[in-house]
Amino acid sequence: MELQAVSIGTVIPHNAQITLVSYDPDWPRLFTREADRLRSVLGDEALRIEHVGSTSVPCLIAKPIIDIVLVVPDSADEPRYVPRLEAVGYVLRIREPGWFEHRLFKGPDTSINLHTFSSGVTEVERMLRFRDRLRDDDRGAGPLRVRQTPTRPADMAARPGLRRRQDCRDPGDLRRGGGSHHRGLRSRRGRRARRGPSRRLCQGRGLIRAQPRSSRRAP
């Protein structure tokens, strides 16, 4: 069994359904907590820590497991960092020398996959580009993205589990006016400003005279 060959310990086959849940706004906080713990344990050995995978994309349905990328100087040099991680409860479960010297750890108290790579590994950038594409492009996530629109206050009170779509987005992105919706809105406003007021608006203000329907030329 290929998975068993790279796993540490016995692999237990998963013979049950895979659970997918709606986006949880608490996932970024759980990532931040793990990142702070990793930095405090590894210090300068932790060159980069990134939230990746489905739980890193706002509004995306996902398995409730926080995927984290940890970049160290040399992931194959386990004595430099593995004992320190194990001392605080991380468990090394997968060792893949043939795939970018990847190491995978499980967390001490949170359901995580800690993917550890060496500095300069191309797989890290590939994972981050894929994450950023899903974050930036509403179409990228396809039908798995929860498309919730704002509702009336009465509806929100009657259905407390319903969140507005904006609640799924990163708060920093909202403060900056980010997101594809905001970029599209700014773009449309810019086009209107360049073209000037519309014909219908000018007619309403009396700036141009509306032609009688019978006098308009046939197409």
N, C-alpha and C. Protein backbone atom coordinates (compact mmCIF):
# COMPACT_ATOMS: atom_id res chain seq x y z
N MET A 1 0.85 -1.20 0.00
CA MET A 1 0.00 0.00 0.00
C MET A 1 0.88 1.25 0.00
N GLU A 2 0.69 2.13 -0.99
CA GLU A 2 1.58 3.27 -1.16
C GLU A 2 1.50 4.22 0.03
N LEU A 3 0.30 4.48 0.56
CA LEU A 3 0.17 5.38 1.68
C LEU A 3 0.86 4.84 2.92
N GLN A 4 0.76 3.55 3.13
CA GLN A 4 1.41 2.95 4.29
C GLN A 4 2.92 3.07 4.21
N ALA A 5 3.45 3.06 2.99
CA ALA A 5 4.90 3.12 2.81
C ALA A 5 5.48 4.45 3.29
N VAL A 6 4.70 5.51 3.23
CA VAL A 6 5.21 6.82 3.65
C VAL A 6 4.63 7.26 5.00
N SER A 7 3.75 6.44 5.57
CA SER A 7 3.11 6.81 6.83
C SER A 7 3.92 6.30 8.02
N ILE A 8 3.82 7.02 9.10
CA ILE A 8 4.44 6.62 10.35
C ILE A 8 3.32 6.10 11.25
N GLY A 9 3.37 4.82 11.58
CA GLY A 9 2.27 4.20 12.30
C GLY A 9 1.36 3.48 11.32
N THR A 10 0.36 2.82 11.85
CA THR A 10 -0.57 2.03 11.03
C THR A 10 -1.62 2.93 10.41
N VAL A 11 -1.85 2.75 9.13
CA VAL A 11 -2.89 3.50 8.43
C VAL A 11 -4.22 2.78 8.62
N ILE A 12 -5.20 3.50 9.13
CA ILE A 12 -6.55 2.94 9.32
C ILE A 12 -7.41 3.38 8.14
N PRO A 13 -7.90 2.44 7.33
CA PRO A 13 -8.71 2.82 6.18
C PRO A 13 -9.95 3.61 6.60
N HIS A 14 -10.28 4.62 5.79
CA HIS A 14 -11.46 5.43 6.06
C HIS A 14 -12.63 4.85 5.28
N ASN A 15 -13.49 4.13 5.97
CA ASN A 15 -14.62 3.45 5.32
C ASN A 15 -15.94 4.11 5.66
N ALA A 16 -15.92 5.42 5.84
CA ALA A 16 -17.13 6.15 6.16
C ALA A 16 -17.27 7.33 5.21
N GLN A 17 -18.39 8.03 5.32
CA GLN A 17 -18.61 9.19 4.48
C GLN A 17 -17.65 10.31 4.87
N ILE A 18 -17.28 11.12 3.89
CA ILE A 18 -16.45 12.30 4.14
C ILE A 18 -17.37 13.48 4.45
N THR A 19 -17.15 14.11 5.58
CA THR A 19 -18.01 15.20 6.03
C THR A 19 -17.55 16.53 5.45
N LEU A 20 -18.46 17.24 4.82
CA LEU A 20 -18.23 18.60 4.34
C LEU A 20 -19.18 19.52 5.09
N VAL A 21 -18.67 20.66 5.52
CA VAL A 21 -19.49 21.60 6.29
C VAL A 21 -19.42 22.98 5.66
N SER A 22 -20.37 23.83 6.04
CA SER A 22 -20.36 25.21 5.57
C SER A 22 -19.18 25.95 6.16
N TYR A 23 -18.79 27.03 5.49
CA TYR A 23 -17.66 27.81 5.96
C TYR A 23 -17.88 28.28 7.39
N ASP A 24 -16.84 28.16 8.21
CA ASP A 24 -16.89 28.57 9.61
C ASP A 24 -15.99 29.78 9.79
N PRO A 25 -16.53 30.94 10.19
CA PRO A 25 -15.69 32.13 10.37
C PRO A 25 -14.63 31.95 11.45
N ASP A 26 -14.71 30.89 12.23
CA ASP A 26 -13.72 30.64 13.28
C ASP A 26 -12.44 30.01 12.73
N TRP A 27 -12.47 29.51 11.50
CA TRP A 27 -11.29 28.84 10.94
C TRP A 27 -10.07 29.75 10.87
N PRO A 28 -10.19 31.01 10.43
CA PRO A 28 -9.00 31.88 10.43
C PRO A 28 -8.41 32.05 11.83
N ARG A 29 -9.26 32.11 12.85
CA ARG A 29 -8.75 32.25 14.22
C ARG A 29 -7.97 31.00 14.64
N LEU A 30 -8.48 29.83 14.28
CA LEU A 30 -7.79 28.59 14.61
C LEU A 30 -6.42 28.53 13.92
N PHE A 31 -6.38 28.98 12.67
CA PHE A 31 -5.09 29.03 11.97
C PHE A 31 -4.13 29.97 12.69
N THR A 32 -4.61 31.16 13.04
CA THR A 32 -3.74 32.14 13.69
C THR A 32 -3.19 31.59 15.01
N ARG A 33 -4.03 30.88 15.73
CA ARG A 33 -3.56 30.29 16.99
C ARG A 33 -2.43 29.28 16.75
N GLU A 34 -2.61 28.43 15.71
CA GLU A 34 -1.57 27.45 15.40
C GLU A 34 -0.30 28.15 14.91
N ALA A 35 -0.46 29.18 14.10
CA ALA A 35 0.71 29.89 13.58
C ALA A 35 1.50 30.53 14.71
N ASP A 36 0.80 31.12 15.67
CA ASP A 36 1.49 31.73 16.81
C ASP A 36 2.24 30.67 17.62
N ARG A 37 1.62 29.50 17.78
CA ARG A 37 2.28 28.44 18.55
C ARG A 37 3.52 27.94 17.81
N LEU A 38 3.40 27.77 16.50
CA LEU A 38 4.55 27.30 15.72
C LEU A 38 5.71 28.29 15.79
N ARG A 39 5.41 29.57 15.70
CA ARG A 39 6.48 30.57 15.77
C ARG A 39 7.15 30.57 17.13
N SER A 40 6.34 30.40 18.19
CA SER A 40 6.91 30.41 19.53
C SER A 40 7.78 29.18 19.77
N VAL A 41 7.46 28.05 19.12
CA VAL A 41 8.22 26.82 19.31
C VAL A 41 9.46 26.77 18.43
N LEU A 42 9.31 27.19 17.17
CA LEU A 42 10.40 27.04 16.21
C LEU A 42 11.27 28.27 16.06
N GLY A 43 10.75 29.42 16.39
CA GLY A 43 11.54 30.64 16.24
C GLY A 43 11.95 30.88 14.79
N ASP A 44 13.22 31.10 14.56
CA ASP A 44 13.71 31.42 13.22
C ASP A 44 13.64 30.24 12.25
N GLU A 45 13.42 29.04 12.77
CA GLU A 45 13.28 27.87 11.88
C GLU A 45 12.01 27.96 11.05
N ALA A 46 11.00 28.64 11.56
CA ALA A 46 9.74 28.81 10.84
C ALA A 46 9.88 29.99 9.88
N LEU A 47 10.23 29.69 8.64
CA LEU A 47 10.46 30.75 7.66
C LEU A 47 9.15 31.31 7.10
N ARG A 48 8.15 30.46 7.05
CA ARG A 48 6.87 30.89 6.48
C ARG A 48 5.77 29.98 7.00
N ILE A 49 4.61 30.57 7.33
CA ILE A 49 3.45 29.81 7.79
C ILE A 49 2.24 30.37 7.06
N GLU A 50 1.53 29.51 6.33
CA GLU A 50 0.41 29.97 5.52
C GLU A 50 -0.81 29.06 5.73
N HIS A 51 -1.97 29.69 5.70
CA HIS A 51 -3.25 28.96 5.74
C HIS A 51 -3.62 28.60 4.31
N VAL A 52 -3.78 27.31 4.01
CA VAL A 52 -4.10 26.85 2.66
C VAL A 52 -5.29 25.89 2.74
N GLY A 53 -5.64 25.33 1.58
CA GLY A 53 -6.73 24.37 1.55
C GLY A 53 -8.10 25.03 1.59
N SER A 54 -9.14 24.22 1.64
CA SER A 54 -10.51 24.71 1.53
C SER A 54 -10.89 25.65 2.67
N THR A 55 -10.40 25.41 3.88
CA THR A 55 -10.79 26.26 5.00
C THR A 55 -10.19 27.65 4.92
N SER A 56 -9.27 27.87 3.99
CA SER A 56 -8.66 29.20 3.84
C SER A 56 -9.41 30.08 2.86
N VAL A 57 -10.47 29.55 2.23
CA VAL A 57 -11.22 30.29 1.22
C VAL A 57 -12.58 30.68 1.79
N PRO A 58 -12.85 31.96 2.02
CA PRO A 58 -14.13 32.37 2.58
C PRO A 58 -15.31 31.87 1.76
N CYS A 59 -16.33 31.39 2.48
CA CYS A 59 -17.61 30.94 1.90
C CYS A 59 -17.52 29.58 1.21
N LEU A 60 -16.39 28.92 1.24
CA LEU A 60 -16.25 27.64 0.55
C LEU A 60 -16.59 26.49 1.49
N ILE A 61 -17.41 25.58 1.02
CA ILE A 61 -17.70 24.37 1.77
C ILE A 61 -16.42 23.54 1.87
N ALA A 62 -16.17 22.94 3.03
CA ALA A 62 -14.88 22.28 3.23
C ALA A 62 -14.97 21.18 4.28
N LYS A 63 -13.95 20.32 4.28
CA LYS A 63 -13.75 19.42 5.41
C LYS A 63 -13.24 20.26 6.58
N PRO A 64 -13.72 20.04 7.78
CA PRO A 64 -13.32 20.89 8.91
C PRO A 64 -11.94 20.54 9.45
N ILE A 65 -10.95 20.62 8.56
CA ILE A 65 -9.56 20.37 8.92
C ILE A 65 -8.73 21.54 8.42
N ILE A 66 -7.99 22.18 9.30
CA ILE A 66 -7.19 23.35 8.94
C ILE A 66 -5.89 22.89 8.30
N ASP A 67 -5.70 23.22 7.02
CA ASP A 67 -4.44 22.89 6.32
C ASP A 67 -3.48 24.07 6.46
N ILE A 68 -2.28 23.75 6.89
CA ILE A 68 -1.26 24.78 7.12
C ILE A 68 0.02 24.38 6.41
N VAL A 69 0.66 25.36 5.76
CA VAL A 69 1.98 25.14 5.17
C VAL A 69 3.02 25.77 6.08
N LEU A 70 4.00 24.96 6.47
CA LEU A 70 5.13 25.42 7.26
C LEU A 70 6.39 25.25 6.41
N VAL A 71 7.14 26.34 6.22
CA VAL A 71 8.38 26.29 5.47
C VAL A 71 9.55 26.41 6.46
N VAL A 72 10.45 25.44 6.39
CA VAL A 72 11.66 25.44 7.22
C VAL A 72 12.88 25.41 6.30
N PRO A 73 14.07 25.68 6.81
CA PRO A 73 15.25 25.67 5.92
C PRO A 73 15.45 24.35 5.20
N ASP A 74 15.27 23.22 5.90
CA ASP A 74 15.46 21.90 5.28
C ASP A 74 14.54 20.92 5.99
N SER A 75 13.45 20.56 5.33
CA SER A 75 12.48 19.66 5.97
C SER A 75 13.04 18.26 6.16
N ALA A 76 14.07 17.88 5.40
CA ALA A 76 14.68 16.56 5.57
C ALA A 76 15.57 16.50 6.81
N ASP A 77 15.99 17.64 7.32
CA ASP A 77 16.84 17.70 8.50
C ASP A 77 15.93 17.70 9.74
N GLU A 78 15.34 16.55 10.04
CA GLU A 78 14.33 16.47 11.09
C GLU A 78 14.85 16.83 12.48
N PRO A 79 16.09 16.49 12.85
CA PRO A 79 16.54 16.87 14.20
C PRO A 79 16.50 18.36 14.48
N ARG A 80 16.46 19.21 13.44
CA ARG A 80 16.46 20.65 13.66
C ARG A 80 15.10 21.16 14.14
N TYR A 81 14.02 20.44 13.84
CA TYR A 81 12.71 20.99 14.18
C TYR A 81 11.70 19.97 14.71
N VAL A 82 11.80 18.70 14.31
CA VAL A 82 10.80 17.71 14.72
C VAL A 82 10.73 17.52 16.23
N PRO A 83 11.86 17.36 16.95
CA PRO A 83 11.75 17.19 18.40
C PRO A 83 11.05 18.35 19.10
N ARG A 84 11.25 19.57 18.61
CA ARG A 84 10.58 20.72 19.23
C ARG A 84 9.08 20.69 18.98
N LEU A 85 8.68 20.25 17.79
CA LEU A 85 7.25 20.13 17.52
C LEU A 85 6.63 19.00 18.35
N GLU A 86 7.30 17.89 18.43
CA GLU A 86 6.77 16.77 19.21
C GLU A 86 6.68 17.11 20.70
N ALA A 87 7.55 17.96 21.18
CA ALA A 87 7.55 18.32 22.60
C ALA A 87 6.28 19.06 23.01
N VAL A 88 5.60 19.72 22.04
CA VAL A 88 4.37 20.45 22.37
C VAL A 88 3.13 19.74 21.83
N GLY A 89 3.30 18.49 21.36
CA GLY A 89 2.12 17.70 21.01
C GLY A 89 1.88 17.43 19.55
N TYR A 90 2.70 17.97 18.65
CA TYR A 90 2.52 17.65 17.22
C TYR A 90 3.04 16.23 16.97
N VAL A 91 2.37 15.53 16.05
CA VAL A 91 2.71 14.14 15.77
C VAL A 91 3.06 14.00 14.29
N LEU A 92 4.26 13.52 14.00
CA LEU A 92 4.67 13.29 12.62
C LEU A 92 3.99 12.03 12.10
N ARG A 93 3.19 12.18 11.02
CA ARG A 93 2.43 11.06 10.50
C ARG A 93 2.86 10.61 9.12
N ILE A 94 3.41 11.52 8.31
CA ILE A 94 3.80 11.16 6.94
C ILE A 94 5.18 11.74 6.65
N ARG A 95 6.02 10.91 6.03
CA ARG A 95 7.36 11.33 5.59
C ARG A 95 7.50 10.91 4.13
N GLU A 96 7.66 11.90 3.23
CA GLU A 96 7.71 11.62 1.79
C GLU A 96 9.01 12.17 1.19
N PRO A 97 10.09 11.42 1.26
CA PRO A 97 11.35 11.89 0.66
C PRO A 97 11.26 12.08 -0.85
N GLY A 98 10.40 11.30 -1.50
CA GLY A 98 10.29 11.38 -2.95
C GLY A 98 9.36 12.46 -3.45
N TRP A 99 8.71 13.19 -2.56
CA TRP A 99 7.81 14.27 -2.98
C TRP A 99 8.16 15.53 -2.19
N PHE A 100 9.16 16.26 -2.67
CA PHE A 100 9.61 17.53 -2.10
C PHE A 100 10.02 17.40 -0.63
N GLU A 101 10.39 16.20 -0.18
CA GLU A 101 10.74 15.99 1.23
C GLU A 101 9.61 16.48 2.16
N HIS A 102 8.41 16.19 1.74
CA HIS A 102 7.23 16.63 2.49
C HIS A 102 7.09 15.87 3.80
N ARG A 103 6.75 16.60 4.88
CA ARG A 103 6.42 16.01 6.16
C ARG A 103 5.04 16.51 6.58
N LEU A 104 4.24 15.61 7.13
CA LEU A 104 2.90 16.01 7.58
C LEU A 104 2.75 15.67 9.06
N PHE A 105 2.29 16.68 9.81
CA PHE A 105 2.06 16.53 11.24
C PHE A 105 0.57 16.73 11.55
N LYS A 106 0.10 16.06 12.58
CA LYS A 106 -1.22 16.33 13.15
C LYS A 106 -1.03 17.18 14.39
N GLY A 107 -2.04 17.98 14.71
CA GLY A 107 -1.91 18.94 15.80
C GLY A 107 -2.21 18.38 17.17
N PRO A 108 -1.81 19.11 18.21
CA PRO A 108 -2.01 18.64 19.57
C PRO A 108 -3.46 18.74 20.06
N ASP A 109 -4.19 19.77 19.61
CA ASP A 109 -5.54 19.95 20.14
C ASP A 109 -6.53 20.49 19.12
N THR A 110 -6.11 20.62 17.87
CA THR A 110 -6.98 21.11 16.80
C THR A 110 -6.81 20.20 15.59
N SER A 111 -7.91 19.99 14.87
CA SER A 111 -7.86 19.13 13.68
C SER A 111 -7.14 19.88 12.56
N ILE A 112 -5.86 19.53 12.34
CA ILE A 112 -5.06 20.22 11.32
C ILE A 112 -4.25 19.21 10.53
N ASN A 113 -3.83 19.65 9.36
CA ASN A 113 -2.78 18.99 8.58
C ASN A 113 -1.65 20.01 8.43
N LEU A 114 -0.52 19.75 9.07
CA LEU A 114 0.61 20.66 9.00
C LEU A 114 1.59 20.14 7.95
N HIS A 115 1.56 20.76 6.76
CA HIS A 115 2.42 20.35 5.64
C HIS A 115 3.74 21.10 5.74
N THR A 116 4.82 20.37 5.88
CA THR A 116 6.13 20.99 6.07
C THR A 116 7.00 20.76 4.84
N PHE A 117 7.57 21.86 4.31
CA PHE A 117 8.42 21.82 3.13
C PHE A 117 9.69 22.61 3.39
N SER A 118 10.68 22.38 2.53
CA SER A 118 11.92 23.15 2.58
C SER A 118 11.76 24.48 1.87
N SER A 119 12.60 25.42 2.21
CA SER A 119 12.60 26.71 1.55
C SER A 119 12.91 26.54 0.07
N GLY A 120 12.17 27.25 -0.78
CA GLY A 120 12.41 27.22 -2.22
C GLY A 120 11.66 26.14 -2.97
N VAL A 121 10.86 25.32 -2.28
CA VAL A 121 10.13 24.24 -2.95
C VAL A 121 8.99 24.83 -3.78
N THR A 122 8.88 24.42 -5.03
CA THR A 122 7.87 24.99 -5.94
C THR A 122 6.45 24.62 -5.53
N GLU A 123 6.27 23.50 -4.84
CA GLU A 123 4.93 23.08 -4.45
C GLU A 123 4.27 24.09 -3.53
N VAL A 124 5.05 24.77 -2.72
CA VAL A 124 4.50 25.78 -1.82
C VAL A 124 3.84 26.90 -2.62
N GLU A 125 4.55 27.41 -3.61
CA GLU A 125 3.99 28.50 -4.43
C GLU A 125 2.77 28.03 -5.21
N ARG A 126 2.79 26.78 -5.66
CA ARG A 126 1.62 26.26 -6.38
C ARG A 126 0.40 26.23 -5.48
N MET A 127 0.55 25.79 -4.24
CA MET A 127 -0.56 25.74 -3.29
C MET A 127 -1.09 27.14 -2.99
N LEU A 128 -0.19 28.10 -2.87
CA LEU A 128 -0.61 29.47 -2.56
C LEU A 128 -1.30 30.12 -3.75
N ARG A 129 -0.81 29.85 -4.96
CA ARG A 129 -1.48 30.41 -6.15
C ARG A 129 -2.89 29.86 -6.28
N PHE A 130 -3.05 28.58 -6.02
CA PHE A 130 -4.38 27.96 -6.11
C PHE A 130 -5.31 28.57 -5.05
N ARG A 131 -4.82 28.73 -3.84
CA ARG A 131 -5.63 29.35 -2.79
C ARG A 131 -6.04 30.77 -3.16
N ASP A 132 -5.07 31.57 -3.64
CA ASP A 132 -5.35 32.96 -3.96
C ASP A 132 -6.32 33.08 -5.13
N ARG A 133 -6.25 32.16 -6.08
CA ARG A 133 -7.19 32.19 -7.20
C ARG A 133 -8.62 31.97 -6.70
N LEU A 134 -8.79 31.03 -5.79
CA LEU A 134 -10.14 30.78 -5.25
C LEU A 134 -10.61 31.96 -4.41
N ARG A 135 -9.71 32.57 -3.68
CA ARG A 135 -10.11 33.72 -2.87
C ARG A 135 -10.51 34.91 -3.74
N ASP A 136 -9.82 35.13 -4.84
CA ASP A 136 -10.02 36.32 -5.64
C ASP A 136 -11.15 36.21 -6.65
N ASP A 137 -11.46 34.99 -7.07
CA ASP A 137 -12.41 34.78 -8.16
C ASP A 137 -13.58 33.97 -7.66
N ASP A 138 -14.77 34.61 -7.59
CA ASP A 138 -15.96 33.90 -7.13
C ASP A 138 -16.27 32.69 -7.99
N ARG A 139 -15.92 32.75 -9.28
CA ARG A 139 -16.22 31.64 -10.17
C ARG A 139 -15.30 30.46 -9.94
N GLY A 140 -14.13 30.71 -9.36
CA GLY A 140 -13.14 29.66 -9.21
C GLY A 140 -13.59 28.53 -8.32
N ALA A 141 -14.42 28.82 -7.30
CA ALA A 141 -14.85 27.79 -6.36
C ALA A 141 -16.04 27.00 -6.87
N GLY A 142 -16.67 27.49 -7.94
CA GLY A 142 -17.76 26.73 -8.52
C GLY A 142 -18.93 26.57 -7.57
N PRO A 143 -19.67 25.45 -7.67
CA PRO A 143 -20.88 25.27 -6.87
C PRO A 143 -20.61 25.06 -5.39
N LEU A 144 -19.36 24.88 -4.98
CA LEU A 144 -19.07 24.65 -3.56
C LEU A 144 -19.02 25.94 -2.77
N ARG A 145 -19.02 27.09 -3.44
CA ARG A 145 -19.01 28.36 -2.70
C ARG A 145 -20.44 28.69 -2.30
N VAL A 146 -20.62 29.06 -1.03
CA VAL A 146 -21.94 29.41 -0.53
C VAL A 146 -22.27 30.82 -0.97
N ARG A 147 -23.29 30.96 -1.80
CA ARG A 147 -23.65 32.27 -2.34
C ARG A 147 -24.88 32.78 -1.58
N GLN A 148 -24.64 33.42 -0.45
CA GLN A 148 -25.71 33.94 0.36
C GLN A 148 -25.82 35.43 0.13
N THR A 149 -27.03 35.92 -0.12
CA THR A 149 -27.23 37.32 -0.38
C THR A 149 -27.83 37.98 0.85
N PRO A 150 -27.66 39.29 0.99
CA PRO A 150 -28.24 39.97 2.15
C PRO A 150 -29.75 39.79 2.19
N THR A 151 -30.30 39.65 3.37
CA THR A 151 -31.74 39.45 3.55
C THR A 151 -32.30 40.51 4.47
N ARG A 152 -33.63 40.55 4.57
CA ARG A 152 -34.27 41.52 5.44
C ARG A 152 -33.97 41.21 6.90
N PRO A 153 -33.99 42.23 7.78
CA PRO A 153 -33.75 41.97 9.20
C PRO A 153 -34.71 40.94 9.77
N ALA A 154 -35.97 40.96 9.29
CA ALA A 154 -36.94 39.99 9.80
C ALA A 154 -36.52 38.57 9.45
N ASP A 155 -36.00 38.40 8.23
CA ASP A 155 -35.54 37.07 7.83
C ASP A 155 -34.36 36.63 8.67
N MET A 156 -33.44 37.55 8.95
CA MET A 156 -32.27 37.21 9.74
C MET A 156 -32.67 36.81 11.15
N ALA A 157 -33.69 37.49 11.71
CA ALA A 157 -34.13 37.16 13.06
C ALA A 157 -34.82 35.81 13.10
N ALA A 158 -35.57 35.51 12.04
CA ALA A 158 -36.30 34.24 12.01
C ALA A 158 -35.38 33.07 11.72
N ARG A 159 -34.24 33.32 11.06
CA ARG A 159 -33.31 32.25 10.69
C ARG A 159 -31.92 32.64 11.18
N PRO A 160 -31.66 32.48 12.48
CA PRO A 160 -30.37 32.95 13.03
C PRO A 160 -29.16 32.26 12.44
N GLY A 161 -29.32 31.09 11.82
CA GLY A 161 -28.19 30.38 11.23
C GLY A 161 -27.78 30.93 9.89
N LEU A 162 -28.59 31.84 9.32
CA LEU A 162 -28.30 32.38 8.00
C LEU A 162 -27.38 33.59 8.13
N ARG A 163 -26.26 33.56 7.43
CA ARG A 163 -25.33 34.67 7.46
C ARG A 163 -25.36 35.39 6.12
N ARG A 164 -25.15 36.69 6.18
CA ARG A 164 -24.99 37.42 4.93
C ARG A 164 -23.72 36.96 4.25
N ARG A 165 -23.70 37.09 2.94
CA ARG A 165 -22.55 36.60 2.20
C ARG A 165 -21.28 37.31 2.62
N GLN A 166 -21.39 38.64 2.92
CA GLN A 166 -20.21 39.40 3.29
C GLN A 166 -19.57 38.87 4.57
N ASP A 167 -20.36 38.21 5.43
CA ASP A 167 -19.81 37.70 6.69
C ASP A 167 -18.74 36.64 6.44
N CYS A 168 -18.76 36.01 5.27
CA CYS A 168 -17.80 34.95 4.98
C CYS A 168 -16.46 35.51 4.55
N ARG A 169 -16.41 36.78 4.20
CA ARG A 169 -15.19 37.32 3.65
C ARG A 169 -14.23 37.73 4.75
N ASP A 170 -12.97 37.84 4.40
CA ASP A 170 -11.94 38.25 5.34
C ASP A 170 -12.20 39.68 5.76
N PRO A 171 -12.27 39.98 7.09
CA PRO A 171 -12.56 41.35 7.53
C PRO A 171 -11.59 42.37 6.97
N GLY A 172 -10.32 42.03 6.87
CA GLY A 172 -9.35 42.97 6.31
C GLY A 172 -9.66 43.28 4.86
N ASP A 173 -10.14 42.27 4.11
CA ASP A 173 -10.48 42.48 2.71
C ASP A 173 -11.66 43.41 2.59
N LEU A 174 -12.63 43.29 3.52
CA LEU A 174 -13.79 44.15 3.48
C LEU A 174 -13.40 45.59 3.80
N ARG A 175 -12.49 45.77 4.78
CA ARG A 175 -12.07 47.13 5.12
C ARG A 175 -11.35 47.79 3.96
N ARG A 176 -10.63 47.00 3.18
CA ARG A 176 -9.90 47.56 2.03
C ARG A 176 -10.80 47.71 0.81
N GLY A 177 -12.05 47.22 0.90
CA GLY A 177 -12.92 47.27 -0.26
C GLY A 177 -12.54 46.23 -1.27
N GLY A 178 -11.98 45.10 -0.82
CA GLY A 178 -11.49 44.08 -1.74
C GLY A 178 -12.59 43.16 -2.19
N GLY A 179 -12.21 42.10 -2.90
CA GLY A 179 -13.16 41.12 -3.39
C GLY A 179 -13.57 41.43 -4.80
N SER A 180 -13.93 40.41 -5.55
CA SER A 180 -14.25 40.60 -6.96
C SER A 180 -15.50 41.44 -7.14
N HIS A 181 -16.47 41.35 -6.19
CA HIS A 181 -17.68 42.16 -6.31
C HIS A 181 -17.34 43.64 -6.24
N HIS A 182 -16.50 44.01 -5.25
CA HIS A 182 -16.14 45.41 -5.11
C HIS A 182 -15.34 45.89 -6.29
N ARG A 183 -14.41 45.06 -6.79
CA ARG A 183 -13.63 45.48 -7.96
C ARG A 183 -14.52 45.69 -9.16
N GLY A 184 -15.52 44.80 -9.36
CA GLY A 184 -16.43 44.94 -10.48
C GLY A 184 -17.28 46.18 -10.36
N LEU A 185 -17.72 46.49 -9.11
CA LEU A 185 -18.54 47.67 -8.89
C LEU A 185 -17.75 48.93 -9.20
N ARG A 186 -16.48 48.98 -8.73
CA ARG A 186 -15.66 50.14 -9.03
C ARG A 186 -15.41 50.28 -10.52
N SER A 187 -15.24 49.14 -11.19
CA SER A 187 -14.97 49.17 -12.62
C SER A 187 -16.17 49.72 -13.38
N ARG A 188 -17.38 49.26 -12.99
CA ARG A 188 -18.59 49.75 -13.68
C ARG A 188 -18.78 51.23 -13.44
N ARG A 189 -18.54 51.68 -12.20
CA ARG A 189 -18.68 53.11 -11.92
C ARG A 189 -17.68 53.92 -12.73
N GLY A 190 -16.46 53.38 -12.88
CA GLY A 190 -15.45 54.09 -13.66
C GLY A 190 -15.84 54.22 -15.11
N ARG A 191 -16.43 53.16 -15.67
CA ARG A 191 -16.86 53.22 -17.08
C ARG A 191 -17.96 54.25 -17.26
N ARG A 192 -18.91 54.29 -16.29
CA ARG A 192 -19.98 55.29 -16.40
C ARG A 192 -19.42 56.71 -16.34
N ALA A 193 -18.43 56.91 -15.46
CA ALA A 193 -17.86 58.25 -15.32
C ALA A 193 -17.17 58.67 -16.61
N ARG A 194 -16.49 57.74 -17.27
CA ARG A 194 -15.79 58.08 -18.51
C ARG A 194 -16.77 58.37 -19.65
N ARG A 195 -17.89 57.62 -19.66
CA ARG A 195 -18.86 57.82 -20.75
C ARG A 195 -19.72 59.06 -20.53
N GLY A 196 -19.82 59.52 -19.28
CA GLY A 196 -20.71 60.62 -18.98
C GLY A 196 -22.10 60.11 -18.67
N PRO A 197 -23.06 61.00 -18.39
CA PRO A 197 -24.41 60.59 -18.01
C PRO A 197 -25.10 59.84 -19.13
N SER A 198 -25.97 58.89 -18.76
CA SER A 198 -26.66 58.08 -19.74
C SER A 198 -27.71 58.90 -20.47
N ARG A 199 -28.16 58.39 -21.63
CA ARG A 199 -29.19 59.07 -22.41
C ARG A 199 -30.48 59.18 -21.63
N ARG A 200 -30.85 58.11 -20.91
CA ARG A 200 -32.10 58.13 -20.14
C ARG A 200 -32.03 59.19 -19.06
N LEU A 201 -30.87 59.34 -18.39
CA LEU A 201 -30.73 60.35 -17.36
C LEU A 201 -30.83 61.74 -17.95
N CYS A 202 -30.21 61.93 -19.11
CA CYS A 202 -30.27 63.26 -19.75
C CYS A 202 -31.69 63.61 -20.16
N GLN A 203 -32.45 62.63 -20.66
CA GLN A 203 -33.84 62.88 -21.02
C GLN A 203 -34.64 63.30 -19.81
N GLY A 204 -34.39 62.64 -18.69
CA GLY A 204 -35.13 62.96 -17.47
C GLY A 204 -34.83 64.36 -16.98
N ARG A 205 -33.62 64.84 -17.23
CA ARG A 205 -33.25 66.18 -16.80
C ARG A 205 -33.54 67.25 -17.85
N GLY A 206 -34.08 66.84 -18.98
CA GLY A 206 -34.40 67.80 -20.03
C GLY A 206 -33.21 68.26 -20.83
N LEU A 207 -32.08 67.56 -20.73
CA LEU A 207 -30.88 67.98 -21.45
C LEU A 207 -30.95 67.62 -22.92
N ILE A 208 -31.65 66.54 -23.26
CA ILE A 208 -31.90 66.21 -24.65
C ILE A 208 -33.37 65.87 -24.79
N ARG A 209 -33.88 65.99 -25.97
CA ARG A 209 -35.31 65.76 -26.21
C ARG A 209 -35.51 64.34 -26.70
N ALA A 210 -36.40 63.64 -26.03
CA ALA A 210 -36.71 62.26 -26.45
C ALA A 210 -37.45 62.30 -27.77
N GLN A 211 -37.04 61.47 -28.73
CA GLN A 211 -37.70 61.42 -30.03
C GLN A 211 -39.00 60.64 -29.92
N PRO A 212 -40.04 61.12 -30.61
CA PRO A 212 -41.28 60.31 -30.65
C PRO A 212 -40.97 58.95 -31.26
N ARG A 213 -41.68 57.94 -30.78
CA ARG A 213 -41.41 56.59 -31.24
C ARG A 213 -41.59 56.46 -32.74
N SER A 214 -42.61 57.17 -33.31
CA SER A 214 -42.90 57.03 -34.74
C SER A 214 -41.83 57.65 -35.60
N SER A 215 -41.04 58.60 -35.06
CA SER A 215 -40.04 59.27 -35.88
C SER A 215 -38.70 58.61 -35.84
N ARG A 216 -38.53 57.58 -35.00
CA ARG A 216 -37.23 56.92 -34.93
C ARG A 216 -37.01 56.06 -36.15
N ARG A 217 -35.78 56.00 -36.58
CA ARG A 217 -35.45 55.20 -37.74
C ARG A 217 -35.56 53.73 -37.42
N ALA A 218 -35.99 52.98 -38.42
CA ALA A 218 -36.03 51.53 -38.27
C ALA A 218 -34.62 50.99 -38.28
N PRO A 219 -34.35 49.97 -37.50
CA PRO A 219 -32.99 49.41 -37.50
C PRO A 219 -32.64 48.80 -38.83
